[in-house]
């Protein structure tokens, strides 16, 4: 219904046509659709998150066996609204709680790959089946990547002093009411939306320009098809960039419409959100370059694996 109405507004009421009409129709339709889904899904996840306390999670993970901890930390990454850079303080908190470093890296990998914003936008653009496959592979990369990093005994490569917490972790005893949970969820939703709504418009705007003005033959010739190098090239293209899923996901939609295989497009998106150069610069303040290189190598291999698998099964 909204697709038809947005087309009526742009093409009939405003009188645009041709490439400009197609671009404006795409911009209006996708912007409002993504805004609506972001508000709905971020609120739902934020409401569920009121039952999860960070201190409780740290205490719970501290008492688990390593691989079980990898799984739980990766799952926890889904409900945290962090990119890799903003997840670093919680990463250090996990180390303070003497949680194994491989488990902390499972969280650090999962948080940007599987956050609710990426999931909401992926669902809005490609449907629940593609979203479910993406979440499954994203969790696999986070779990196995963290587990592999834990095998290399890399604690010595943490450059800053992370003193262990003294005594037991104090757990809060106050239980908020339903109204307080709703208010907290709405406040969190409002804060996140204020931070990303302009990036959604920028991303959709770039996508609309591609949609209306970049010939499909251009994308198909240089970035489309199933050539073996398509996925690695997409990952290398994404590393110098730094953007949230909200900004880059609309471009992924257009790239797939223009002929790029979905696995290649998703590899580009994941490299932007989880393997960016600015992220490496920030991590360099707390981690040795060898550990950063290991982290990037494992995650880069996992992202390319996801890209190849998507291209193969779809």
C-alpha atoms as a PDB file:
ATOM      1  CA  UNK A   1       0.000   0.000   0.000  1.00  0.00           C
ATOM      2  CA  UNK A   2       2.767   2.442   0.914  1.00  0.00           C
ATOM      3  CA  UNK A   3       4.677   1.581  -2.254  1.00  0.00           C
ATOM      4  CA  UNK A   4       1.638   2.455  -4.371  1.00  0.00           C
ATOM      5  CA  UNK A   5       0.911   5.620  -2.383  1.00  0.00           C
ATOM      6  CA  UNK A   6       4.527   6.848  -2.570  1.00  0.00           C
ATOM      7  CA  UNK A   7       4.468   6.237  -6.323  1.00  0.00           C
ATOM      8  CA  UNK A   8       1.253   8.238  -6.616  1.00  0.00           C
ATOM      9  CA  UNK A   9       2.769  11.122  -4.614  1.00  0.00           C
ATOM     10  CA  UNK A  10       5.960  11.339  -6.671  1.00  0.00           C
ATOM     11  CA  UNK A  11       4.733  10.427 -10.158  1.00  0.00           C
ATOM     12  CA  UNK A  12       1.165  11.755 -10.200  1.00  0.00           C
ATOM     13  CA  UNK A  13       0.873  14.514  -7.592  1.00  0.00           C
ATOM     14  CA  UNK A  14       4.368  16.012  -7.965  1.00  0.00           C
ATOM     15  CA  UNK A  15       4.649  15.169 -11.660  1.00  0.00           C
ATOM     16  CA  UNK A  16       8.152  13.663 -11.710  1.00  0.00           C
ATOM     17  CA  UNK A  17       8.989  11.022 -14.296  1.00  0.00           C
ATOM     18  CA  UNK A  18      11.896   9.152 -15.845  1.00  0.00           C
ATOM     19  CA  UNK A  19      15.098   8.638 -13.868  1.00  0.00           C
ATOM     20  CA  UNK A  20      14.321  11.470 -11.460  1.00  0.00           C
ATOM     21  CA  UNK A  21      10.885  10.009 -10.761  1.00  0.00           C
ATOM     22  CA  UNK A  22      12.339   6.548 -10.142  1.00  0.00           C
ATOM     23  CA  UNK A  23      15.004   7.973  -7.815  1.00  0.00           C
ATOM     24  CA  UNK A  24      12.555  10.100  -5.798  1.00  0.00           C
ATOM     25  CA  UNK A  25      10.042   7.260  -5.569  1.00  0.00           C
ATOM     26  CA  UNK A  26      12.769   4.967  -4.239  1.00  0.00           C
ATOM     27  CA  UNK A  27      13.910   7.631  -1.740  1.00  0.00           C
ATOM     28  CA  UNK A  28      10.439   8.364  -0.354  1.00  0.00           C
ATOM     29  CA  UNK A  29       9.329   4.744  -0.215  1.00  0.00           C
ATOM     30  CA  UNK A  30      12.479   3.328   1.409  1.00  0.00           C
ATOM     31  CA  UNK A  31      13.043   6.178   3.874  1.00  0.00           C
ATOM     32  CA  UNK A  32       9.582   6.000   5.450  1.00  0.00           C
ATOM     33  CA  UNK A  33       9.531   2.189   5.379  1.00  0.00           C
ATOM     34  CA  UNK A  34      12.926   1.890   7.072  1.00  0.00           C
ATOM     35  CA  UNK A  35      12.099   4.582   9.646  1.00  0.00           C
ATOM     36  CA  UNK A  36       8.909   2.756  10.614  1.00  0.00           C
ATOM     37  CA  UNK A  37      10.591  -0.644  10.931  1.00  0.00           C
ATOM     38  CA  UNK A  38      13.528   0.805  12.846  1.00  0.00           C
ATOM     39  CA  UNK A  39      11.223   2.401  15.418  1.00  0.00           C
ATOM     40  CA  UNK A  40       9.195  -0.796  15.818  1.00  0.00           C
ATOM     41  CA  UNK A  41      12.076  -3.254  16.044  1.00  0.00           C
ATOM     42  CA  UNK A  42      14.421  -1.085  18.133  1.00  0.00           C
ATOM     43  CA  UNK A  43      11.591  -0.502  20.613  1.00  0.00           C
ATOM     44  CA  UNK A  44      10.834  -4.234  20.801  1.00  0.00           C
ATOM     45  CA  UNK A  45      14.499  -5.139  21.339  1.00  0.00           C
ATOM     46  CA  UNK A  46      14.984  -2.279  23.822  1.00  0.00           C
ATOM     47  CA  UNK A  47      11.970  -3.460  25.791  1.00  0.00           C
ATOM     48  CA  UNK A  48      13.325  -7.018  25.917  1.00  0.00           C
ATOM     49  CA  UNK A  49      16.726  -5.636  26.927  1.00  0.00           C
ATOM     50  CA  UNK A  50      15.240  -4.225  30.147  1.00  0.00           C
ATOM     51  CA  UNK A  51      15.335  -7.797  31.457  1.00  0.00           C
ATOM     52  CA  UNK A  52      19.069  -8.064  30.724  1.00  0.00           C
ATOM     53  CA  UNK A  53      21.496  -6.289  33.011  1.00  0.00           C
ATOM     54  CA  UNK A  54      25.123  -5.911  31.938  1.00  0.00           C
ATOM     55  CA  UNK A  55      26.440  -6.833  35.378  1.00  0.00           C
ATOM     56  CA  UNK A  56      24.313  -9.969  35.424  1.00  0.00           C
ATOM     57  CA  UNK A  57      25.585 -10.928  31.973  1.00  0.00           C
ATOM     58  CA  UNK A  58      29.191 -10.424  33.068  1.00  0.00           C
ATOM     59  CA  UNK A  59      28.638 -12.497  36.201  1.00  0.00           C
ATOM     60  CA  UNK A  60      26.876 -15.218  34.214  1.00  0.00           C
ATOM     61  CA  UNK A  61      29.567 -15.412  31.521  1.00  0.00           C
ATOM     62  CA  UNK A  62      32.352 -15.441  34.107  1.00  0.00           C
ATOM     63  CA  UNK A  63      31.124 -18.762  35.408  1.00  0.00           C
ATOM     64  CA  UNK A  64      30.729 -20.560  32.067  1.00  0.00           C
ATOM     65  CA  UNK A  65      33.023 -22.882  30.163  1.00  0.00           C
ATOM     66  CA  UNK A  66      34.805 -21.196  27.275  1.00  0.00           C
ATOM     67  CA  UNK A  67      32.887 -22.451  24.231  1.00  0.00           C
ATOM     68  CA  UNK A  68      29.566 -22.023  26.043  1.00  0.00           C
ATOM     69  CA  UNK A  69      30.722 -18.504  26.859  1.00  0.00           C
ATOM     70  CA  UNK A  70      31.498 -17.883  23.170  1.00  0.00           C
ATOM     71  CA  UNK A  71      27.953 -18.863  22.239  1.00  0.00           C
ATOM     72  CA  UNK A  72      26.335 -16.757  24.976  1.00  0.00           C
ATOM     73  CA  UNK A  73      28.551 -13.723  24.282  1.00  0.00           C
ATOM     74  CA  UNK A  74      27.683 -13.862  20.576  1.00  0.00           C
ATOM     75  CA  UNK A  75      23.980 -14.032  21.426  1.00  0.00           C
ATOM     76  CA  UNK A  76      24.393 -11.092  23.808  1.00  0.00           C
ATOM     77  CA  UNK A  77      25.899  -9.102  20.945  1.00  0.00           C
ATOM     78  CA  UNK A  78      22.539  -9.247  19.127  1.00  0.00           C
ATOM     79  CA  UNK A  79      20.742  -7.204  21.785  1.00  0.00           C
ATOM     80  CA  UNK A  80      23.435  -4.549  22.225  1.00  0.00           C
ATOM     81  CA  UNK A  81      23.144  -1.445  19.986  1.00  0.00           C
ATOM     82  CA  UNK A  82      26.893  -1.079  19.498  1.00  0.00           C
ATOM     83  CA  UNK A  83      29.276  -0.766  16.614  1.00  0.00           C
ATOM     84  CA  UNK A  84      32.690  -2.282  17.329  1.00  0.00           C
ATOM     85  CA  UNK A  85      34.144   1.032  18.537  1.00  0.00           C
ATOM     86  CA  UNK A  86      31.400   1.742  21.082  1.00  0.00           C
ATOM     87  CA  UNK A  87      31.476  -1.891  22.265  1.00  0.00           C
ATOM     88  CA  UNK A  88      35.088  -1.542  23.445  1.00  0.00           C
ATOM     89  CA  UNK A  89      34.233  -0.297  26.997  1.00  0.00           C
ATOM     90  CA  UNK A  90      32.063  -3.361  27.596  1.00  0.00           C
ATOM     91  CA  UNK A  91      34.807  -5.493  26.057  1.00  0.00           C
ATOM     92  CA  UNK A  92      37.214  -4.161  28.700  1.00  0.00           C
ATOM     93  CA  UNK A  93      34.598  -4.756  31.392  1.00  0.00           C
ATOM     94  CA  UNK A  94      34.451  -8.405  30.371  1.00  0.00           C
ATOM     95  CA  UNK A  95      38.229  -8.646  30.711  1.00  0.00           C
ATOM     96  CA  UNK A  96      37.992  -7.089  34.186  1.00  0.00           C
ATOM     97  CA  UNK A  97      35.526  -9.792  35.151  1.00  0.00           C
ATOM     98  CA  UNK A  98      38.175 -12.356  34.111  1.00  0.00           C
ATOM     99  CA  UNK A  99      36.038 -13.628  31.251  1.00  0.00           C
ATOM    100  CA  UNK A 100      38.314 -15.454  28.736  1.00  0.00           C
ATOM    101  CA  UNK A 101      39.560 -13.151  25.995  1.00  0.00           C
ATOM    102  CA  UNK A 102      38.173 -15.388  23.256  1.00  0.00           C
ATOM    103  CA  UNK A 103      34.699 -15.005  24.771  1.00  0.00           C
ATOM    104  CA  UNK A 104      35.069 -11.219  24.868  1.00  0.00           C
ATOM    105  CA  UNK A 105      36.031 -11.244  21.190  1.00  0.00           C
ATOM    106  CA  UNK A 106      32.901 -13.252  20.352  1.00  0.00           C
ATOM    107  CA  UNK A 107      30.929 -10.334  21.778  1.00  0.00           C
ATOM    108  CA  UNK A 108      33.116  -7.749  19.999  1.00  0.00           C
ATOM    109  CA  UNK A 109      32.513  -9.495  16.666  1.00  0.00           C
ATOM    110  CA  UNK A 110      28.797 -10.113  17.122  1.00  0.00           C
ATOM    111  CA  UNK A 111      27.822  -6.631  18.334  1.00  0.00           C
ATOM    112  CA  UNK A 112      28.351  -4.813  15.001  1.00  0.00           C
ATOM    113  CA  UNK A 113      27.412  -7.727  12.747  1.00  0.00           C
ATOM    114  CA  UNK A 114      24.166  -8.739  14.426  1.00  0.00           C
ATOM    115  CA  UNK A 115      22.863  -5.567  16.080  1.00  0.00           C
ATOM    116  CA  UNK A 116      19.150  -4.859  15.904  1.00  0.00           C
ATOM    117  CA  UNK A 117      19.559  -1.990  13.439  1.00  0.00           C
ATOM    118  CA  UNK A 118      21.226  -4.241  10.852  1.00  0.00           C
ATOM    119  CA  UNK A 119      18.639  -6.946  11.467  1.00  0.00           C
ATOM    120  CA  UNK A 120      15.718  -4.509  11.163  1.00  0.00           C
ATOM    121  CA  UNK A 121      16.993  -3.055   7.905  1.00  0.00           C
ATOM    122  CA  UNK A 122      17.882  -6.442   6.448  1.00  0.00           C
ATOM    123  CA  UNK A 123      14.377  -7.672   7.277  1.00  0.00           C
ATOM    124  CA  UNK A 124      12.785  -4.590   5.722  1.00  0.00           C
ATOM    125  CA  UNK A 125      14.760  -4.963   2.486  1.00  0.00           C
ATOM    126  CA  UNK A 126      15.081  -8.714   1.952  1.00  0.00           C
ATOM    127  CA  UNK A 127      12.560 -10.490   4.191  1.00  0.00           C
ATOM    128  CA  UNK A 128      12.785 -12.890   7.105  1.00  0.00           C
ATOM    129  CA  UNK A 129      14.438 -15.833   5.324  1.00  0.00           C
ATOM    130  CA  UNK A 130      17.502 -13.853   4.220  1.00  0.00           C
ATOM    131  CA  UNK A 131      17.617 -12.197   7.662  1.00  0.00           C
ATOM    132  CA  UNK A 132      17.532 -15.569   9.449  1.00  0.00           C
ATOM    133  CA  UNK A 133      20.333 -16.945   7.264  1.00  0.00           C
ATOM    134  CA  UNK A 134      22.405 -13.814   7.878  1.00  0.00           C
ATOM    135  CA  UNK A 135      21.924 -13.991  11.662  1.00  0.00           C
ATOM    136  CA  UNK A 136      22.877 -17.664  11.666  1.00  0.00           C
ATOM    137  CA  UNK A 137      26.077 -17.117   9.709  1.00  0.00           C
ATOM    138  CA  UNK A 138      26.884 -13.953  11.677  1.00  0.00           C
ATOM    139  CA  UNK A 139      26.627 -15.860  14.953  1.00  0.00           C
ATOM    140  CA  UNK A 140      28.785 -18.652  13.535  1.00  0.00           C
ATOM    141  CA  UNK A 141      31.522 -16.149  12.620  1.00  0.00           C
ATOM    142  CA  UNK A 142      31.376 -14.562  16.088  1.00  0.00           C
ATOM    143  CA  UNK A 143      31.413 -17.894  17.956  1.00  0.00           C
ATOM    144  CA  UNK A 144      34.140 -19.578  15.906  1.00  0.00           C
ATOM    145  CA  UNK A 145      36.177 -16.376  15.524  1.00  0.00           C
ATOM    146  CA  UNK A 146      36.230 -15.782  19.280  1.00  0.00           C
ATOM    147  CA  UNK A 147      37.010 -19.434  19.943  1.00  0.00           C
ATOM    148  CA  UNK A 148      39.949 -19.365  17.497  1.00  0.00           C
ATOM    149  CA  UNK A 149      41.354 -16.161  19.001  1.00  0.00           C
ATOM    150  CA  UNK A 150      41.160 -17.807  22.428  1.00  0.00           C
ATOM    151  CA  UNK A 151      43.378 -20.649  21.185  1.00  0.00           C
ATOM    152  CA  UNK A 152      46.318 -18.303  20.528  1.00  0.00           C
ATOM    153  CA  UNK A 153      46.884 -17.116  24.144  1.00  0.00           C
ATOM    154  CA  UNK A 154      46.756 -13.451  23.149  1.00  0.00           C
ATOM    155  CA  UNK A 155      46.207 -11.914  26.604  1.00  0.00           C
ATOM    156  CA  UNK A 156      49.758 -10.507  26.459  1.00  0.00           C
ATOM    157  CA  UNK A 157      48.749  -8.379  23.480  1.00  0.00           C
ATOM    158  CA  UNK A 158      46.273  -6.269  25.482  1.00  0.00           C
ATOM    159  CA  UNK A 159      48.323  -3.073  25.842  1.00  0.00           C
ATOM    160  CA  UNK A 160      46.498  -1.334  28.670  1.00  0.00           C
ATOM    161  CA  UNK A 161      46.299  -2.502  32.252  1.00  0.00           C
ATOM    162  CA  UNK A 162      42.974  -4.171  32.985  1.00  0.00           C
ATOM    163  CA  UNK A 163      42.964  -4.865  36.729  1.00  0.00           C
ATOM    164  CA  UNK A 164      40.565  -7.638  37.732  1.00  0.00           C
ATOM    165  CA  UNK A 165      37.522  -6.678  39.714  1.00  0.00           C
ATOM    166  CA  UNK A 166      37.989  -7.137  43.448  1.00  0.00           C
ATOM    167  CA  UNK A 167      35.362  -9.217  45.186  1.00  0.00           C
ATOM    168  CA  UNK A 168      32.111 -10.363  43.640  1.00  0.00           C
ATOM    169  CA  UNK A 169      30.224  -8.416  40.993  1.00  0.00           C
ATOM    170  CA  UNK A 170      27.415  -6.531  42.704  1.00  0.00           C
ATOM    171  CA  UNK A 171      24.062  -7.282  41.121  1.00  0.00           C
ATOM    172  CA  UNK A 172      21.184  -4.784  41.240  1.00  0.00           C
ATOM    173  CA  UNK A 173      18.148  -5.807  43.261  1.00  0.00           C
ATOM    174  CA  UNK A 174      15.636  -3.211  42.028  1.00  0.00           C
ATOM    175  CA  UNK A 175      13.013  -4.599  39.621  1.00  0.00           C
ATOM    176  CA  UNK A 176      11.458  -1.909  37.371  1.00  0.00           C
ATOM    177  CA  UNK A 177       7.719  -1.814  36.758  1.00  0.00           C
ATOM    178  CA  UNK A 178       6.147  -2.458  33.351  1.00  0.00           C
ATOM    179  CA  UNK A 179       5.620   1.280  32.827  1.00  0.00           C
ATOM    180  CA  UNK A 180       9.261   1.988  33.673  1.00  0.00           C
ATOM    181  CA  UNK A 181      10.373  -0.683  31.207  1.00  0.00           C
ATOM    182  CA  UNK A 182       8.216   0.865  28.463  1.00  0.00           C
ATOM    183  CA  UNK A 183       9.537   4.361  29.229  1.00  0.00           C
ATOM    184  CA  UNK A 184      13.132   3.124  29.218  1.00  0.00           C
ATOM    185  CA  UNK A 185      12.602   1.272  25.935  1.00  0.00           C
ATOM    186  CA  UNK A 186      10.993   4.300  24.292  1.00  0.00           C
ATOM    187  CA  UNK A 187      13.749   6.606  25.557  1.00  0.00           C
ATOM    188  CA  UNK A 188      16.401   4.285  24.152  1.00  0.00           C
ATOM    189  CA  UNK A 189      14.515   3.998  20.856  1.00  0.00           C
ATOM    190  CA  UNK A 190      14.226   7.772  20.588  1.00  0.00           C
ATOM    191  CA  UNK A 191      17.932   8.283  21.340  1.00  0.00           C
ATOM    192  CA  UNK A 192      19.070   5.698  18.777  1.00  0.00           C
ATOM    193  CA  UNK A 193      16.653   6.968  16.130  1.00  0.00           C
ATOM    194  CA  UNK A 194      17.891  10.547  16.582  1.00  0.00           C
ATOM    195  CA  UNK A 195      21.442   9.343  15.983  1.00  0.00           C
ATOM    196  CA  UNK A 196      20.728   7.359  12.820  1.00  0.00           C
ATOM    197  CA  UNK A 197      17.720   8.833  11.015  1.00  0.00           C
ATOM    198  CA  UNK A 198      19.885  11.258   9.034  1.00  0.00           C
ATOM    199  CA  UNK A 199      22.262   8.422   8.128  1.00  0.00           C
ATOM    200  CA  UNK A 200      19.256   6.480   6.854  1.00  0.00           C
ATOM    201  CA  UNK A 201      18.354   9.424   4.634  1.00  0.00           C
ATOM    202  CA  UNK A 202      21.947   9.705   3.384  1.00  0.00           C
ATOM    203  CA  UNK A 203      22.136   5.981   2.696  1.00  0.00           C
ATOM    204  CA  UNK A 204      18.779   5.899   0.958  1.00  0.00           C
ATOM    205  CA  UNK A 205      19.742   9.032  -0.981  1.00  0.00           C
ATOM    206  CA  UNK A 206      22.906   7.397  -2.310  1.00  0.00           C
ATOM    207  CA  UNK A 207      20.911   4.265  -3.039  1.00  0.00           C
ATOM    208  CA  UNK A 208      18.239   6.309  -4.839  1.00  0.00           C
ATOM    209  CA  UNK A 209      20.900   7.939  -7.026  1.00  0.00           C
ATOM    210  CA  UNK A 210      22.327   4.521  -7.909  1.00  0.00           C
ATOM    211  CA  UNK A 211      18.803   3.231  -8.511  1.00  0.00           C
ATOM    212  CA  UNK A 212      17.886   6.025 -10.889  1.00  0.00           C
ATOM    213  CA  UNK A 213      21.126   6.945 -12.629  1.00  0.00           C
ATOM    214  CA  UNK A 214      23.700   4.113 -12.531  1.00  0.00           C
ATOM    215  CA  UNK A 215      23.107   1.617 -15.350  1.00  0.00           C
ATOM    216  CA  UNK A 216      22.673  -1.985 -14.292  1.00  0.00           C
ATOM    217  CA  UNK A 217      25.234  -2.967 -16.913  1.00  0.00           C
ATOM    218  CA  UNK A 218      27.939  -0.984 -15.097  1.00  0.00           C
ATOM    219  CA  UNK A 219      27.429  -2.822 -11.800  1.00  0.00           C
ATOM    220  CA  UNK A 220      27.114  -6.183 -13.537  1.00  0.00           C
ATOM    221  CA  UNK A 221      30.346  -5.623 -15.479  1.00  0.00           C
ATOM    222  CA  UNK A 222      32.575  -4.482 -12.623  1.00  0.00           C
ATOM    223  CA  UNK A 223      31.030  -5.916  -9.460  1.00  0.00           C
ATOM    224  CA  UNK A 224      28.365  -8.383 -10.481  1.00  0.00           C
ATOM    225  CA  UNK A 225      28.371 -12.012 -11.453  1.00  0.00           C
ATOM    226  CA  UNK A 226      29.891 -14.957  -9.648  1.00  0.00           C
ATOM    227  CA  UNK A 227      33.570 -14.284 -10.357  1.00  0.00           C
ATOM    228  CA  UNK A 228      35.752 -15.612  -7.538  1.00  0.00           C
ATOM    229  CA  UNK A 229      37.206 -12.159  -6.855  1.00  0.00           C
ATOM    230  CA  UNK A 230      33.839 -10.403  -6.389  1.00  0.00           C
ATOM    231  CA  UNK A 231      33.593 -11.144  -2.660  1.00  0.00           C
ATOM    232  CA  UNK A 232      37.224 -10.288  -1.726  1.00  0.00           C
ATOM    233  CA  UNK A 233      36.991  -7.058  -3.746  1.00  0.00           C
ATOM    234  CA  UNK A 234      33.751  -6.143  -1.947  1.00  0.00           C
ATOM    235  CA  UNK A 235      35.455  -6.692   1.439  1.00  0.00           C
ATOM    236  CA  UNK A 236      38.492  -4.606   0.452  1.00  0.00           C
ATOM    237  CA  UNK A 237      36.175  -1.820  -0.737  1.00  0.00           C
ATOM    238  CA  UNK A 238      34.429  -1.753   2.635  1.00  0.00           C
ATOM    239  CA  UNK A 239      37.491  -1.652   4.921  1.00  0.00           C
ATOM    240  CA  UNK A 240      38.485   2.020   4.286  1.00  0.00           C
ATOM    241  CA  UNK A 241      34.933   3.148   5.019  1.00  0.00           C
ATOM    242  CA  UNK A 242      33.181   3.612   8.340  1.00  0.00           C
ATOM    243  CA  UNK A 243      29.408   3.755   8.518  1.00  0.00           C
ATOM    244  CA  UNK A 244      26.562   2.174  10.412  1.00  0.00           C
ATOM    245  CA  UNK A 245      24.327  -0.481   8.914  1.00  0.00           C
ATOM    246  CA  UNK A 246      21.645   2.208   8.686  1.00  0.00           C
ATOM    247  CA  UNK A 247      23.776   4.170   6.237  1.00  0.00           C
ATOM    248  CA  UNK A 248      25.091   1.339   4.082  1.00  0.00           C
ATOM    249  CA  UNK A 249      22.164  -1.118   3.935  1.00  0.00           C
ATOM    250  CA  UNK A 250      20.067   0.873   1.411  1.00  0.00           C
ATOM    251  CA  UNK A 251      23.087   0.826  -0.912  1.00  0.00           C
ATOM    252  CA  UNK A 252      23.228  -2.963  -0.526  1.00  0.00           C
ATOM    253  CA  UNK A 253      19.628  -3.166  -1.736  1.00  0.00           C
ATOM    254  CA  UNK A 254      20.379  -1.148  -4.862  1.00  0.00           C
ATOM    255  CA  UNK A 255      23.602  -3.006  -5.633  1.00  0.00           C
ATOM    256  CA  UNK A 256      21.693  -6.293  -5.621  1.00  0.00           C
ATOM    257  CA  UNK A 257      18.974  -4.804  -7.831  1.00  0.00           C
ATOM    258  CA  UNK A 258      21.660  -3.696 -10.287  1.00  0.00           C
ATOM    259  CA  UNK A 259      23.225  -7.129 -10.606  1.00  0.00           C
ATOM    260  CA  UNK A 260      25.609  -7.656  -7.676  1.00  0.00           C
ATOM    261  CA  UNK A 261      25.059 -10.999  -5.987  1.00  0.00           C
ATOM    262  CA  UNK A 262      23.647 -10.734  -2.475  1.00  0.00           C
ATOM    263  CA  UNK A 263      26.642 -12.436  -0.850  1.00  0.00           C
ATOM    264  CA  UNK A 264      29.052  -9.913  -2.377  1.00  0.00           C
ATOM    265  CA  UNK A 265      26.843  -6.990  -1.321  1.00  0.00           C
ATOM    266  CA  UNK A 266      26.500  -8.295   2.251  1.00  0.00           C
ATOM    267  CA  UNK A 267      30.262  -8.871   2.456  1.00  0.00           C
ATOM    268  CA  UNK A 268      30.733  -5.211   1.566  1.00  0.00           C
ATOM    269  CA  UNK A 269      28.250  -4.163   4.266  1.00  0.00           C
ATOM    270  CA  UNK A 270      29.837  -6.372   6.940  1.00  0.00           C
ATOM    271  CA  UNK A 271      33.341  -5.097   6.105  1.00  0.00           C
ATOM    272  CA  UNK A 272      32.128  -1.510   6.507  1.00  0.00           C
ATOM    273  CA  UNK A 273      30.542  -2.181   9.927  1.00  0.00           C
ATOM    274  CA  UNK A 274      33.002  -4.709  11.411  1.00  0.00           C
ATOM    275  CA  UNK A 275      36.384  -4.241   9.670  1.00  0.00           C
ATOM    276  CA  UNK A 276      36.688  -0.509   9.109  1.00  0.00           C
ATOM    277  CA  UNK A 277      40.029   1.315   9.155  1.00  0.00           C
ATOM    278  CA  UNK A 278      38.844   3.829  11.817  1.00  0.00           C
ATOM    279  CA  UNK A 279      37.988   0.870  14.029  1.00  0.00           C
ATOM    280  CA  UNK A 280      41.546  -0.459  13.686  1.00  0.00           C
ATOM    281  CA  UNK A 281      42.924   2.955  14.673  1.00  0.00           C
ATOM    282  CA  UNK A 282      40.816   2.972  17.847  1.00  0.00           C
ATOM    283  CA  UNK A 283      41.679  -0.636  18.686  1.00  0.00           C
ATOM    284  CA  UNK A 284      45.380   0.214  18.272  1.00  0.00           C
ATOM    285  CA  UNK A 285      45.132   2.203  21.527  1.00  0.00           C
ATOM    286  CA  UNK A 286      44.378  -0.928  23.560  1.00  0.00           C
ATOM    287  CA  UNK A 287      45.520  -3.917  21.467  1.00  0.00           C
ATOM    288  CA  UNK A 288      48.863  -4.853  19.907  1.00  0.00           C
ATOM    289  CA  UNK A 289      48.992  -4.726  16.126  1.00  0.00           C
ATOM    290  CA  UNK A 290      49.490  -8.498  16.034  1.00  0.00           C
ATOM    291  CA  UNK A 291      46.208  -9.096  17.833  1.00  0.00           C
ATOM    292  CA  UNK A 292      44.412  -6.586  15.609  1.00  0.00           C
ATOM    293  CA  UNK A 293      45.842  -8.335  12.530  1.00  0.00           C
ATOM    294  CA  UNK A 294      44.688 -11.706  13.864  1.00  0.00           C
ATOM    295  CA  UNK A 295      41.232 -10.263  14.641  1.00  0.00           C
ATOM    296  CA  UNK A 296      40.898  -8.739  11.157  1.00  0.00           C
ATOM    297  CA  UNK A 297      42.202 -11.871   9.428  1.00  0.00           C
ATOM    298  CA  UNK A 298      39.751 -14.199  11.176  1.00  0.00           C
ATOM    299  CA  UNK A 299      36.766 -11.893  10.740  1.00  0.00           C
ATOM    300  CA  UNK A 300      37.718 -11.070   7.150  1.00  0.00           C
ATOM    301  CA  UNK A 301      37.882 -14.780   6.348  1.00  0.00           C
ATOM    302  CA  UNK A 302      34.524 -15.329   8.043  1.00  0.00           C
ATOM    303  CA  UNK A 303      32.903 -12.450   6.144  1.00  0.00           C
ATOM    304  CA  UNK A 304      34.224 -13.735   2.826  1.00  0.00           C
ATOM    305  CA  UNK A 305      32.995 -17.209   3.749  1.00  0.00           C
ATOM    306  CA  UNK A 306      29.519 -15.796   4.374  1.00  0.00           C
ATOM    307  CA  UNK A 307      29.671 -13.958   1.039  1.00  0.00           C
ATOM    308  CA  UNK A 308      30.638 -17.082  -0.895  1.00  0.00           C
ATOM    309  CA  UNK A 309      27.957 -19.148   0.892  1.00  0.00           C
ATOM    310  CA  UNK A 310      25.221 -16.588   0.155  1.00  0.00           C
ATOM    311  CA  UNK A 311      26.282 -16.413  -3.476  1.00  0.00           C
ATOM    312  CA  UNK A 312      26.216 -20.203  -3.703  1.00  0.00           C
ATOM    313  CA  UNK A 313      22.948 -21.042  -1.923  1.00  0.00           C
ATOM    314  CA  UNK A 314      20.983 -18.088  -3.325  1.00  0.00           C
END
